[in-house]
Amino acid sequence: MASITRKEVVFMHNHFTGIYASYLDQYLDYKRQLGFKQQTEESILAVFDRFTVRRGETRLGITRELSEAWMQTGANLSSSYNFHRALLINKLASFLNEQGIHSYLMRLPVCKMDFTPHIYSQDELRCLFEAADHFRIKKGLRQIMFAMPALLRLLYCTGLRGGEALALSVGDVNLDDQTILVRDSKNGQQRVIPFSDSLAAVLKQYAFYRNELPACLVKKDRFFISLDGKSISRDCFGRWFSRLILAAGIPKGRGITPHALRHSFSVHSLAMMAERGADIYCCLPVLSTYLGHKSVESTNHCVRLVSAMYPGLLKDIDRICINVFPNTSGYETY
C-alpha cells in the first residue's frame, strides 16, 4: 500500500465518512473542550478515516492488524511524525475503550530526534533583511513584499510563530505601549509580549504606509496585509520567503524556513542573557512564557543548542538541563 505523505495531510478534506466518523468528531470535540486546538490531529485523523474506508472496515474496534497496517503507511515519514501518528491512534483507541468499544493499544515506535533546527547567523539575518528591503515587484497587487521587511523583523525580534504574526489584528499591536496581544496561539492561550524601541520604529513605519493604501480597498482587520488589502496566508508567506532566501544568497537546506527565525530568537536571546551574566536557571521560565510554550520543558532544547554553538558559555549546562527538567524533544512544540 502506498505511503501517505505530509503534503497529503496538509490538504486533507476533514469530513469523516468511515465507520469511526462519529467517534472521531466526538474525540476532537472532547479535546477542544479541554483547550487543545487539534488542527494537526484532525488532519491526521482525516487520513486515518480515509484509510479505514479504503480497507473496507465495517466492524468497530481498532485491532492489532489495523494498527500495524496504519503504521506501515507511515514507513517513509520522519521518525518523530510517525511517532505522533501512533500516539494519536492510541489515544483514539483509549477513547473508544472508554465508550465500551474494545480497541488495541499498540506499542509506540522509537522516536529518534534526527532533526536540529537551523539557527540563522547574524550575517544570514543581515542578508535576509536587506533582501526584503530591496526586493522589487514589477506589477500586480496580490503580493506581500510590501509587508515582508516588517514581518520578518517581527518574527526574529519577538520569536512569534508565523501563524501568530499573520493572525494579528490592528488592535492587537499597541505601537504606543510597545506590546503585542497574541490571541491565536498554538496552545490556545493568550499572552501579551513587549517589544523593543527598534522594532517599534519598524512597525510604525510599516503601519504608516499601510494606512496610506487607497481608501477604496476593503482591508481585512489584520496588521499585516498585502497591497490589495487582503490578509496574508501561510502558503503565500512561505513562497515569498523562499524567494527572499534565494535573493539573500542563503543556501537552501533542511530547516531553512520562516519558523527558524523563532528558533534563532530563542537561541540568540539565551546566549545574550548568558553573556550578560544572567542566571539561566531563572531566565528559562521567563523565555518560556514569552515564547508561549505550554511548559518550560519545551524551551529545554534551546539550552543544548546554545551550548553547542557557544562552547564554554553555559558552564553548568548539565545542572540547567538535567536537574531542572529532563532532556526531552520539547523543541518540536515551538
C-alpha atoms as a PDB file:
ATOM      1  CA  MET A   1       0.000   0.000   0.000  1.00  0.00           C
ATOM      2  CA  ALA A   2       1.361   3.412  -0.913  1.00  0.00           C
ATOM      3  CA  SER A   3       2.624   5.522   1.966  1.00  0.00           C
ATOM      4  CA  ILE A   4       0.862   8.742   2.977  1.00  0.00           C
ATOM      5  CA  THR A   5       2.840  11.970   2.684  1.00  0.00           C
ATOM      6  CA  ARG A   6       2.677  15.054   4.876  1.00  0.00           C
ATOM      7  CA  LYS A   7       1.569  17.040   1.833  1.00  0.00           C
ATOM      8  CA  GLU A   8      -1.494  14.803   1.653  1.00  0.00           C
ATOM      9  CA  VAL A   9      -2.134  15.544   5.321  1.00  0.00           C
ATOM     10  CA  VAL A  10      -1.978  19.305   4.834  1.00  0.00           C
ATOM     11  CA  PHE A  11      -4.549  19.393   2.051  1.00  0.00           C
ATOM     12  CA  MET A  12      -6.896  16.796   3.519  1.00  0.00           C
ATOM     13  CA  HIS A  13     -10.636  17.443   3.443  1.00  0.00           C
ATOM     14  CA  ASN A  14     -11.639  16.827   7.028  1.00  0.00           C
ATOM     15  CA  HIS A  15     -15.153  15.449   6.575  1.00  0.00           C
ATOM     16  CA  PHE A  16     -15.186  11.995   8.113  1.00  0.00           C
ATOM     17  CA  THR A  17     -17.093   9.290   6.230  1.00  0.00           C
ATOM     18  CA  GLY A  18     -15.776   5.982   7.576  1.00  0.00           C
ATOM     19  CA  ILE A  19     -17.093   3.688  10.293  1.00  0.00           C
ATOM     20  CA  TYR A  20     -15.359   5.780  13.002  1.00  0.00           C
ATOM     21  CA  ALA A  21     -16.695   9.119  11.710  1.00  0.00           C
ATOM     22  CA  SER A  22     -18.961   9.960  14.662  1.00  0.00           C
ATOM     23  CA  TYR A  23     -16.338   8.863  17.171  1.00  0.00           C
ATOM     24  CA  LEU A  24     -13.646  10.977  15.503  1.00  0.00           C
ATOM     25  CA  ASP A  25     -15.925  14.011  15.801  1.00  0.00           C
ATOM     26  CA  GLN A  26     -16.644  13.193  19.446  1.00  0.00           C
ATOM     27  CA  TYR A  27     -12.951  12.732  20.225  1.00  0.00           C
ATOM     28  CA  LEU A  28     -11.951  16.053  18.638  1.00  0.00           C
ATOM     29  CA  ASP A  29     -14.811  17.903  20.350  1.00  0.00           C
ATOM     30  CA  TYR A  30     -13.737  16.428  23.683  1.00  0.00           C
ATOM     31  CA  LYS A  31     -10.102  17.506  23.226  1.00  0.00           C
ATOM     32  CA  ARG A  32     -11.091  21.012  22.108  1.00  0.00           C
ATOM     33  CA  GLN A  33     -13.271  21.448  25.148  1.00  0.00           C
ATOM     34  CA  LEU A  34     -10.102  20.846  27.153  1.00  0.00           C
ATOM     35  CA  GLY A  35      -8.406  23.735  25.330  1.00  0.00           C
ATOM     36  CA  PHE A  36      -6.454  21.876  22.631  1.00  0.00           C
ATOM     37  CA  LYS A  37      -6.689  23.163  19.055  1.00  0.00           C
ATOM     38  CA  GLN A  38      -6.274  19.736  17.415  1.00  0.00           C
ATOM     39  CA  GLN A  39      -5.606  21.114  13.927  1.00  0.00           C
ATOM     40  CA  THR A  40      -2.790  18.694  13.111  1.00  0.00           C
ATOM     41  CA  GLU A  41      -4.621  15.873  14.870  1.00  0.00           C
ATOM     42  CA  GLU A  42      -7.748  16.498  12.804  1.00  0.00           C
ATOM     43  CA  SER A  43      -5.727  16.291   9.597  1.00  0.00           C
ATOM     44  CA  ILE A  44      -4.110  13.004  10.659  1.00  0.00           C
ATOM     45  CA  LEU A  45      -7.434  11.535  11.722  1.00  0.00           C
ATOM     46  CA  ALA A  46      -8.893  12.527   8.345  1.00  0.00           C
ATOM     47  CA  VAL A  47      -6.169  10.452   6.690  1.00  0.00           C
ATOM     48  CA  PHE A  48      -6.931   7.598   9.105  1.00  0.00           C
ATOM     49  CA  ASP A  49     -10.623   7.886   8.249  1.00  0.00           C
ATOM     50  CA  ARG A  50      -9.912   7.526   4.513  1.00  0.00           C
ATOM     51  CA  PHE A  51      -7.526   4.697   5.295  1.00  0.00           C
ATOM     52  CA  THR A  52     -10.290   2.719   7.027  1.00  0.00           C
ATOM     53  CA  VAL A  53     -12.614   3.370   4.081  1.00  0.00           C
ATOM     54  CA  ARG A  54     -10.057   2.027   1.612  1.00  0.00           C
ATOM     55  CA  ARG A  55      -9.619  -1.066   3.770  1.00  0.00           C
ATOM     56  CA  GLY A  56     -13.351  -1.604   3.885  1.00  0.00           C
ATOM     57  CA  GLU A  57     -13.537  -1.554   7.705  1.00  0.00           C
ATOM     58  CA  THR A  58     -17.083  -2.408   8.831  1.00  0.00           C
ATOM     59  CA  ARG A  59     -16.585  -3.520  12.428  1.00  0.00           C
ATOM     60  CA  LEU A  60     -15.921  -1.027  15.219  1.00  0.00           C
ATOM     61  CA  GLY A  61     -12.850  -1.551  17.348  1.00  0.00           C
ATOM     62  CA  ILE A  62      -9.225  -0.826  16.439  1.00  0.00           C
ATOM     63  CA  THR A  63      -7.484  -4.179  16.059  1.00  0.00           C
ATOM     64  CA  ARG A  64      -3.816  -5.022  16.155  1.00  0.00           C
ATOM     65  CA  GLU A  65      -3.945  -5.725  12.410  1.00  0.00           C
ATOM     66  CA  LEU A  66      -5.456  -2.308  11.689  1.00  0.00           C
ATOM     67  CA  SER A  67      -2.853  -0.560  13.861  1.00  0.00           C
ATOM     68  CA  GLU A  68       0.067  -2.339  12.197  1.00  0.00           C
ATOM     69  CA  ALA A  69      -1.306  -1.637   8.712  1.00  0.00           C
ATOM     70  CA  TRP A  70      -1.715   2.044   9.637  1.00  0.00           C
ATOM     71  CA  MET A  71       1.879   2.265  10.810  1.00  0.00           C
ATOM     72  CA  GLN A  72       3.148   0.642   7.619  1.00  0.00           C
ATOM     73  CA  THR A  73       1.694   3.522   5.607  1.00  0.00           C
ATOM     74  CA  GLY A  74       3.986   5.891   7.521  1.00  0.00           C
ATOM     75  CA  ALA A  75       7.188   3.964   6.877  1.00  0.00           C
ATOM     76  CA  ASN A  76       8.661   6.808   4.799  1.00  0.00           C
ATOM     77  CA  LEU A  77       7.681   9.595   7.207  1.00  0.00           C
ATOM     78  CA  SER A  78      10.033  11.096   9.769  1.00  0.00           C
ATOM     79  CA  SER A  79      10.508   9.195  12.997  1.00  0.00           C
ATOM     80  CA  SER A  80       9.032  11.949  15.149  1.00  0.00           C
ATOM     81  CA  TYR A  81       5.986  12.440  12.901  1.00  0.00           C
ATOM     82  CA  ASN A  82       5.281   8.713  12.689  1.00  0.00           C
ATOM     83  CA  PHE A  83       5.534   8.537  16.473  1.00  0.00           C
ATOM     84  CA  HIS A  84       2.883  11.262  16.690  1.00  0.00           C
ATOM     85  CA  ARG A  85       0.639   9.285  14.323  1.00  0.00           C
ATOM     86  CA  ALA A  86       0.962   6.196  16.514  1.00  0.00           C
ATOM     87  CA  LEU A  87       0.370   8.131  19.727  1.00  0.00           C
ATOM     88  CA  LEU A  88      -2.765   9.722  18.275  1.00  0.00           C
ATOM     89  CA  ILE A  89      -4.271   6.372  17.232  1.00  0.00           C
ATOM     90  CA  ASN A  90      -3.528   5.009  20.704  1.00  0.00           C
ATOM     91  CA  LYS A  91      -5.363   7.973  22.211  1.00  0.00           C
ATOM     92  CA  LEU A  92      -8.289   7.272  19.908  1.00  0.00           C
ATOM     93  CA  ALA A  93      -8.201   3.607  20.934  1.00  0.00           C
ATOM     94  CA  SER A  94      -8.295   4.608  24.620  1.00  0.00           C
ATOM     95  CA  PHE A  95     -11.238   6.890  23.889  1.00  0.00           C
ATOM     96  CA  LEU A  96     -13.072   4.031  22.166  1.00  0.00           C
ATOM     97  CA  ASN A  97     -12.353   1.714  25.093  1.00  0.00           C
ATOM     98  CA  GLU A  98     -13.988   4.265  27.386  1.00  0.00           C
ATOM     99  CA  GLN A  99     -17.065   4.059  25.129  1.00  0.00           C
ATOM    100  CA  GLY A 100     -17.165   0.281  25.580  1.00  0.00           C
ATOM    101  CA  ILE A 101     -15.625  -0.443  22.165  1.00  0.00           C
ATOM    102  CA  HIS A 102     -12.683  -2.804  22.695  1.00  0.00           C
ATOM    103  CA  SER A 103      -9.616  -1.443  20.892  1.00  0.00           C
ATOM    104  CA  TYR A 104      -5.966  -2.450  20.735  1.00  0.00           C
ATOM    105  CA  LEU A 105      -3.213  -0.188  22.107  1.00  0.00           C
ATOM    106  CA  MET A 106      -0.101  -0.627  20.013  1.00  0.00           C
ATOM    107  CA  ARG A 107       3.450  -0.433  21.268  1.00  0.00           C
ATOM    108  CA  LEU A 108       4.750   3.006  20.333  1.00  0.00           C
ATOM    109  CA  PRO A 109       7.696   3.140  17.908  1.00  0.00           C
ATOM    110  CA  VAL A 110      11.060   4.524  18.919  1.00  0.00           C
ATOM    111  CA  CYS A 111      11.110   8.283  18.391  1.00  0.00           C
ATOM    112  CA  LYS A 112      14.538   9.295  17.089  1.00  0.00           C
ATOM    113  CA  MET A 113      15.230  13.001  17.185  1.00  0.00           C
ATOM    114  CA  ASP A 114      17.124  13.330  13.902  1.00  0.00           C
ATOM    115  CA  PHE A 115      16.393  16.995  13.258  1.00  0.00           C
ATOM    116  CA  THR A 116      18.233  20.011  14.589  1.00  0.00           C
ATOM    117  CA  PRO A 117      16.607  23.363  13.803  1.00  0.00           C
ATOM    118  CA  HIS A 118      18.589  25.836  11.737  1.00  0.00           C
ATOM    119  CA  ILE A 119      19.853  28.883  13.618  1.00  0.00           C
ATOM    120  CA  TYR A 120      20.428  31.843  11.333  1.00  0.00           C
ATOM    121  CA  SER A 121      23.770  33.558  11.786  1.00  0.00           C
ATOM    122  CA  GLN A 122      23.951  37.315  12.136  1.00  0.00           C
ATOM    123  CA  ASP A 123      25.311  37.536   8.571  1.00  0.00           C
ATOM    124  CA  GLU A 124      22.390  35.472   7.249  1.00  0.00           C
ATOM    125  CA  LEU A 125      19.902  37.671   9.084  1.00  0.00           C
ATOM    126  CA  ARG A 126      21.515  40.817   7.711  1.00  0.00           C
ATOM    127  CA  CYS A 127      21.382  39.449   4.151  1.00  0.00           C
ATOM    128  CA  LEU A 128      17.765  38.321   4.603  1.00  0.00           C
ATOM    129  CA  PHE A 129      16.596  41.681   5.907  1.00  0.00           C
ATOM    130  CA  GLU A 130      18.487  43.541   3.173  1.00  0.00           C
ATOM    131  CA  ALA A 131      16.932  41.299   0.529  1.00  0.00           C
ATOM    132  CA  ALA A 132      13.467  42.068   1.897  1.00  0.00           C
ATOM    133  CA  ASP A 133      14.196  45.806   1.952  1.00  0.00           C
ATOM    134  CA  HIS A 134      15.409  45.945  -1.655  1.00  0.00           C
ATOM    135  CA  PHE A 135      13.204  43.350  -3.347  1.00  0.00           C
ATOM    136  CA  ARG A 136      11.036  44.968  -6.022  1.00  0.00           C
ATOM    137  CA  ILE A 137       7.911  43.752  -7.818  1.00  0.00           C
ATOM    138  CA  LYS A 138       7.220  44.950 -11.352  1.00  0.00           C
ATOM    139  CA  LYS A 139       3.459  44.514 -11.340  1.00  0.00           C
ATOM    140  CA  GLY A 140       0.498  43.019  -9.508  1.00  0.00           C
ATOM    141  CA  LEU A 141      -1.235  43.841  -6.251  1.00  0.00           C
ATOM    142  CA  ARG A 142      -1.664  40.285  -4.956  1.00  0.00           C
ATOM    143  CA  GLN A 143       1.751  40.085  -3.375  1.00  0.00           C
ATOM    144  CA  ILE A 144       3.059  40.587   0.143  1.00  0.00           C
ATOM    145  CA  MET A 145       6.542  42.068  -0.276  1.00  0.00           C
ATOM    146  CA  PHE A 146       5.026  45.304   0.981  1.00  0.00           C
ATOM    147  CA  ALA A 147       4.790  43.740   4.460  1.00  0.00           C
ATOM    148  CA  MET A 148       7.782  41.384   4.418  1.00  0.00           C
ATOM    149  CA  PRO A 149      10.510  43.693   5.835  1.00  0.00           C
ATOM    150  CA  ALA A 150       8.462  44.417   8.970  1.00  0.00           C
ATOM    151  CA  LEU A 151       7.036  40.889   9.240  1.00  0.00           C
ATOM    152  CA  LEU A 152      10.439  39.191   9.126  1.00  0.00           C
ATOM    153  CA  ARG A 153      11.900  41.545  11.721  1.00  0.00           C
ATOM    154  CA  LEU A 154       8.897  40.976  13.968  1.00  0.00           C
ATOM    155  CA  LEU A 155       9.344  37.188  13.797  1.00  0.00           C
ATOM    156  CA  TYR A 156      13.019  37.391  14.670  1.00  0.00           C
ATOM    157  CA  CYS A 157      12.738  40.103  17.331  1.00  0.00           C
ATOM    158  CA  THR A 158       9.830  38.502  19.207  1.00  0.00           C
ATOM    159  CA  GLY A 159      10.027  34.792  18.389  1.00  0.00           C
ATOM    160  CA  LEU A 160       6.375  34.742  17.330  1.00  0.00           C
ATOM    161  CA  ARG A 161       5.181  31.770  15.331  1.00  0.00           C
ATOM    162  CA  GLY A 162       4.360  32.656  11.743  1.00  0.00           C
ATOM    163  CA  GLY A 163       0.678  31.886  12.205  1.00  0.00           C
ATOM    164  CA  GLU A 164       0.524  34.037  15.321  1.00  0.00           C
ATOM    165  CA  ALA A 165       2.013  37.011  13.489  1.00  0.00           C
ATOM    166  CA  LEU A 166      -0.250  36.681  10.443  1.00  0.00           C
ATOM    167  CA  ALA A 167      -3.333  36.459  12.685  1.00  0.00           C
ATOM    168  CA  LEU A 168      -2.600  39.738  14.486  1.00  0.00           C
ATOM    169  CA  SER A 169      -5.306  42.350  14.095  1.00  0.00           C
ATOM    170  CA  VAL A 170      -4.563  46.067  14.028  1.00  0.00           C
ATOM    171  CA  GLY A 171      -5.819  46.374  17.600  1.00  0.00           C
ATOM    172  CA  ASP A 172      -3.529  43.586  18.816  1.00  0.00           C
ATOM    173  CA  VAL A 173      -0.408  45.664  18.113  1.00  0.00           C
ATOM    174  CA  ASN A 174      -0.081  48.596  20.505  1.00  0.00           C
ATOM    175  CA  LEU A 175       2.573  50.803  18.944  1.00  0.00           C
ATOM    176  CA  ASP A 176       2.461  53.317  21.808  1.00  0.00           C
ATOM    177  CA  ASP A 177       2.864  50.887  24.705  1.00  0.00           C
ATOM    178  CA  GLN A 178       5.005  48.599  22.516  1.00  0.00           C
ATOM    179  CA  THR A 179       3.109  45.423  23.339  1.00  0.00           C
ATOM    180  CA  ILE A 180       1.509  42.692  21.263  1.00  0.00           C
ATOM    181  CA  LEU A 181      -1.551  40.703  22.287  1.00  0.00           C
ATOM    182  CA  VAL A 182      -1.247  37.170  20.911  1.00  0.00           C
ATOM    183  CA  ARG A 183      -4.732  35.683  20.662  1.00  0.00           C
ATOM    184  CA  ASP A 184      -4.354  32.872  18.144  1.00  0.00           C
ATOM    185  CA  SER A 185      -1.708  30.848  19.968  1.00  0.00           C
ATOM    186  CA  LYS A 186      -0.781  27.245  19.193  1.00  0.00           C
ATOM    187  CA  ASN A 187      -1.645  26.223  22.751  1.00  0.00           C
ATOM    188  CA  GLY A 188      -4.864  28.233  22.802  1.00  0.00           C
ATOM    189  CA  GLN A 189      -3.590  30.624  25.466  1.00  0.00           C
ATOM    190  CA  GLN A 190      -3.425  34.402  25.094  1.00  0.00           C
ATOM    191  CA  ARG A 191      -0.299  36.267  26.085  1.00  0.00           C
ATOM    192  CA  VAL A 192       0.977  39.843  25.968  1.00  0.00           C
ATOM    193  CA  ILE A 193       4.586  40.409  24.939  1.00  0.00           C
ATOM    194  CA  PRO A 194       6.603  43.641  24.887  1.00  0.00           C
ATOM    195  CA  PHE A 195       8.895  44.628  22.025  1.00  0.00           C
ATOM    196  CA  SER A 196      11.910  46.887  21.641  1.00  0.00           C
ATOM    197  CA  ASP A 197      12.218  50.516  20.536  1.00  0.00           C
ATOM    198  CA  SER A 198      13.968  49.490  17.306  1.00  0.00           C
ATOM    199  CA  LEU A 199      11.178  47.083  16.362  1.00  0.00           C
ATOM    200  CA  ALA A 200       8.608  49.724  17.294  1.00  0.00           C
ATOM    201  CA  ALA A 201      10.214  52.111  14.773  1.00  0.00           C
ATOM    202  CA  VAL A 202       9.990  49.454  12.042  1.00  0.00           C
ATOM    203  CA  LEU A 203       6.359  48.623  12.807  1.00  0.00           C
ATOM    204  CA  LYS A 204       5.355  52.282  12.948  1.00  0.00           C
ATOM    205  CA  GLN A 205       6.914  52.910   9.548  1.00  0.00           C
ATOM    206  CA  TYR A 206       5.072  49.922   8.074  1.00  0.00           C
ATOM    207  CA  ALA A 207       1.778  50.987   9.709  1.00  0.00           C
ATOM    208  CA  PHE A 208       2.158  54.498   8.252  1.00  0.00           C
ATOM    209  CA  TYR A 209       2.471  53.216   4.678  1.00  0.00           C
ATOM    210  CA  ARG A 210      -0.232  50.575   5.225  1.00  0.00           C
ATOM    211  CA  ASN A 211      -2.624  53.340   6.251  1.00  0.00           C
ATOM    212  CA  GLU A 212      -1.717  55.240   3.056  1.00  0.00           C
ATOM    213  CA  LEU A 213      -3.162  52.488   0.871  1.00  0.00           C
ATOM    214  CA  PRO A 214      -6.216  53.632  -1.151  1.00  0.00           C
ATOM    215  CA  ALA A 215      -9.334  54.010   0.967  1.00  0.00           C
ATOM    216  CA  CYS A 216     -11.344  52.151  -1.678  1.00  0.00           C
ATOM    217  CA  LEU A 217      -9.658  48.879  -0.709  1.00  0.00           C
ATOM    218  CA  VAL A 218     -11.630  46.588   1.569  1.00  0.00           C
ATOM    219  CA  LYS A 219      -8.931  45.994   4.143  1.00  0.00           C
ATOM    220  CA  LYS A 220      -9.007  42.907   6.294  1.00  0.00           C
ATOM    221  CA  ASP A 221      -8.666  43.507  10.029  1.00  0.00           C
ATOM    222  CA  ARG A 222      -5.106  42.244  10.014  1.00  0.00           C
ATOM    223  CA  PHE A 223      -1.985  44.132  10.957  1.00  0.00           C
ATOM    224  CA  PHE A 224      -0.072  42.566   8.069  1.00  0.00           C
ATOM    225  CA  ILE A 225      -1.835  42.763   4.698  1.00  0.00           C
ATOM    226  CA  SER A 226      -0.927  42.588   1.023  1.00  0.00           C
ATOM    227  CA  LEU A 227      -1.137  45.555  -1.315  1.00  0.00           C
ATOM    228  CA  ASP A 228      -4.722  44.702  -2.246  1.00  0.00           C
ATOM    229  CA  GLY A 229      -5.765  44.923   1.402  1.00  0.00           C
ATOM    230  CA  LYS A 230      -6.271  41.191   1.890  1.00  0.00           C
ATOM    231  CA  SER A 231      -4.856  39.055   4.674  1.00  0.00           C
ATOM    232  CA  ILE A 232      -1.699  37.017   4.105  1.00  0.00           C
ATOM    233  CA  SER A 233      -1.904  33.225   4.043  1.00  0.00           C
ATOM    234  CA  ARG A 234       0.829  30.973   5.396  1.00  0.00           C
ATOM    235  CA  ASP A 235       1.350  29.390   1.983  1.00  0.00           C
ATOM    236  CA  CYS A 236       1.804  32.769   0.332  1.00  0.00           C
ATOM    237  CA  PHE A 237       4.223  33.846   3.042  1.00  0.00           C
ATOM    238  CA  GLY A 238       6.220  30.642   2.608  1.00  0.00           C
ATOM    239  CA  ARG A 239       6.529  31.111  -1.163  1.00  0.00           C
ATOM    240  CA  TRP A 240       7.770  34.703  -0.870  1.00  0.00           C
ATOM    241  CA  PHE A 241      10.144  33.717   1.922  1.00  0.00           C
ATOM    242  CA  SER A 242      11.733  31.178  -0.428  1.00  0.00           C
ATOM    243  CA  ARG A 243      12.286  33.936  -2.986  1.00  0.00           C
ATOM    244  CA  LEU A 244      13.964  36.099  -0.378  1.00  0.00           C
ATOM    245  CA  ILE A 245      16.220  33.252   0.736  1.00  0.00           C
ATOM    246  CA  LEU A 246      17.370  32.908  -2.867  1.00  0.00           C
ATOM    247  CA  ALA A 247      17.878  36.674  -3.203  1.00  0.00           C
ATOM    248  CA  ALA A 248      19.816  36.757   0.065  1.00  0.00           C
ATOM    249  CA  GLY A 249      22.216  34.078  -1.147  1.00  0.00           C
ATOM    250  CA  ILE A 250      21.385  31.726   1.727  1.00  0.00           C
ATOM    251  CA  PRO A 251      21.814  28.087   0.607  1.00  0.00           C
ATOM    252  CA  LYS A 252      18.567  26.127   0.680  1.00  0.00           C
ATOM    253  CA  GLY A 253      18.516  23.197   3.028  1.00  0.00           C
ATOM    254  CA  ARG A 254      16.576  21.388   5.674  1.00  0.00           C
ATOM    255  CA  GLY A 255      15.295  23.813   8.269  1.00  0.00           C
ATOM    256  CA  ILE A 256      15.758  26.994   6.190  1.00  0.00           C
ATOM    257  CA  THR A 257      12.216  28.173   6.938  1.00  0.00           C
ATOM    258  CA  PRO A 258      10.421  31.154   8.476  1.00  0.00           C
ATOM    259  CA  HIS A 259       9.961  29.102  11.666  1.00  0.00           C
ATOM    260  CA  ALA A 260      13.735  29.003  12.053  1.00  0.00           C
ATOM    261  CA  LEU A 261      13.544  32.714  12.910  1.00  0.00           C
ATOM    262  CA  ARG A 262      11.741  31.664  16.108  1.00  0.00           C
ATOM    263  CA  HIS A 263      14.456  29.140  16.925  1.00  0.00           C
ATOM    264  CA  SER A 264      17.095  31.786  16.199  1.00  0.00           C
ATOM    265  CA  PHE A 265      15.406  34.288  18.505  1.00  0.00           C
ATOM    266  CA  SER A 266      15.342  31.690  21.302  1.00  0.00           C
ATOM    267  CA  VAL A 267      18.996  30.700  20.977  1.00  0.00           C
ATOM    268  CA  HIS A 268      20.308  34.230  20.460  1.00  0.00           C
ATOM    269  CA  SER A 269      18.264  35.563  23.409  1.00  0.00           C
ATOM    270  CA  LEU A 270      19.517  32.863  25.746  1.00  0.00           C
ATOM    271  CA  ALA A 271      23.097  33.376  24.574  1.00  0.00           C
ATOM    272  CA  MET A 272      22.794  37.137  25.148  1.00  0.00           C
ATOM    273  CA  MET A 273      21.459  36.575  28.674  1.00  0.00           C
ATOM    274  CA  ALA A 274      24.322  34.202  29.428  1.00  0.00           C
ATOM    275  CA  GLU A 275      26.889  36.677  28.077  1.00  0.00           C
ATOM    276  CA  ARG A 276      25.464  39.340  30.377  1.00  0.00           C
ATOM    277  CA  GLY A 277      25.903  37.079  33.366  1.00  0.00           C
ATOM    278  CA  ALA A 278      22.205  36.366  33.940  1.00  0.00           C
ATOM    279  CA  ASP A 279      21.208  33.262  35.870  1.00  0.00           C
ATOM    280  CA  ILE A 280      19.937  30.936  33.139  1.00  0.00           C
ATOM    281  CA  TYR A 281      18.189  28.842  35.781  1.00  0.00           C
ATOM    282  CA  CYS A 282      15.920  31.843  36.430  1.00  0.00           C
ATOM    283  CA  CYS A 283      15.767  33.130  32.851  1.00  0.00           C
ATOM    284  CA  LEU A 284      14.387  29.975  31.250  1.00  0.00           C
ATOM    285  CA  PRO A 285      10.861  30.278  32.715  1.00  0.00           C
ATOM    286  CA  VAL A 286      10.733  33.905  31.511  1.00  0.00           C
ATOM    287  CA  LEU A 287      11.805  32.948  27.987  1.00  0.00           C
ATOM    288  CA  SER A 288       9.373  30.027  28.004  1.00  0.00           C
ATOM    289  CA  THR A 289       6.459  32.317  28.907  1.00  0.00           C
ATOM    290  CA  TYR A 290       7.482  34.906  26.305  1.00  0.00           C
ATOM    291  CA  LEU A 291       7.569  32.227  23.601  1.00  0.00           C
ATOM    292  CA  GLY A 292       4.169  30.889  24.617  1.00  0.00           C
ATOM    293  CA  HIS A 293       5.394  27.419  25.481  1.00  0.00           C
ATOM    294  CA  LYS A 294       2.945  25.292  27.392  1.00  0.00           C
ATOM    295  CA  SER A 295       5.682  24.139  29.769  1.00  0.00           C
ATOM    296  CA  VAL A 296       9.285  25.084  30.455  1.00  0.00           C
ATOM    297  CA  GLU A 297      10.371  21.694  29.071  1.00  0.00           C
ATOM    298  CA  SER A 298       9.651  22.968  25.574  1.00  0.00           C
ATOM    299  CA  THR A 299      12.459  25.528  25.968  1.00  0.00           C
ATOM    300  CA  ASN A 300      14.954  22.898  27.084  1.00  0.00           C
ATOM    301  CA  HIS A 301      16.418  22.131  23.661  1.00  0.00           C
ATOM    302  CA  CYS A 302      17.339  25.788  23.280  1.00  0.00           C
ATOM    303  CA  VAL A 303      19.877  25.400  26.093  1.00  0.00           C
ATOM    304  CA  ARG A 304      21.529  22.481  24.306  1.00  0.00           C
ATOM    305  CA  LEU A 305      21.786  24.483  21.084  1.00  0.00           C
ATOM    306  CA  VAL A 306      23.379  27.429  22.874  1.00  0.00           C
ATOM    307  CA  SER A 307      25.908  25.094  24.479  1.00  0.00           C
ATOM    308  CA  ALA A 308      26.784  23.597  21.079  1.00  0.00           C
ATOM    309  CA  MET A 309      27.047  26.939  19.276  1.00  0.00           C
ATOM    310  CA  TYR A 310      28.820  28.842  22.060  1.00  0.00           C
ATOM    311  CA  PRO A 311      31.173  26.380  23.802  1.00  0.00           C
ATOM    312  CA  GLY A 312      32.020  27.412  27.351  1.00  0.00           C
ATOM    313  CA  LEU A 313      29.251  29.999  27.564  1.00  0.00           C
ATOM    314  CA  LEU A 314      26.999  27.814  29.697  1.00  0.00           C
ATOM    315  CA  LYS A 315      29.214  26.310  32.362  1.00  0.00           C
ATOM    316  CA  ASP A 316      26.516  24.389  34.193  1.00  0.00           C
ATOM    317  CA  ILE A 317      24.513  23.011  31.286  1.00  0.00           C
ATOM    318  CA  ASP A 318      24.019  19.617  32.934  1.00  0.00           C
ATOM    319  CA  ARG A 319      22.619  21.250  36.059  1.00  0.00           C
ATOM    320  CA  ILE A 320      20.388  23.514  33.988  1.00  0.00           C
ATOM    321  CA  CYS A 321      19.045  20.845  31.631  1.00  0.00           C
ATOM    322  CA  ILE A 322      19.036  17.690  33.704  1.00  0.00           C
ATOM    323  CA  ASN A 323      18.450  18.717  37.289  1.00  0.00           C
ATOM    324  CA  VAL A 324      15.780  21.294  36.490  1.00  0.00           C
ATOM    325  CA  PHE A 325      13.922  19.304  33.858  1.00  0.00           C
ATOM    326  CA  PRO A 326      14.827  16.213  31.770  1.00  0.00           C
ATOM    327  CA  ASN A 327      16.291  16.367  28.270  1.00  0.00           C
ATOM    328  CA  THR A 328      13.253  15.938  26.029  1.00  0.00           C
ATOM    329  CA  SER A 329      12.215  16.607  22.462  1.00  0.00           C
ATOM    330  CA  GLY A 330      10.363  19.716  23.531  1.00  0.00           C
ATOM    331  CA  TYR A 331      11.777  21.875  20.748  1.00  0.00           C
ATOM    332  CA  GLU A 332       9.301  20.266  18.370  1.00  0.00           C
ATOM    333  CA  THR A 333       6.485  22.036  20.158  1.00  0.00           C
ATOM    334  CA  TYR A 334       7.911  25.511  19.387  1.00  0.00           C
END
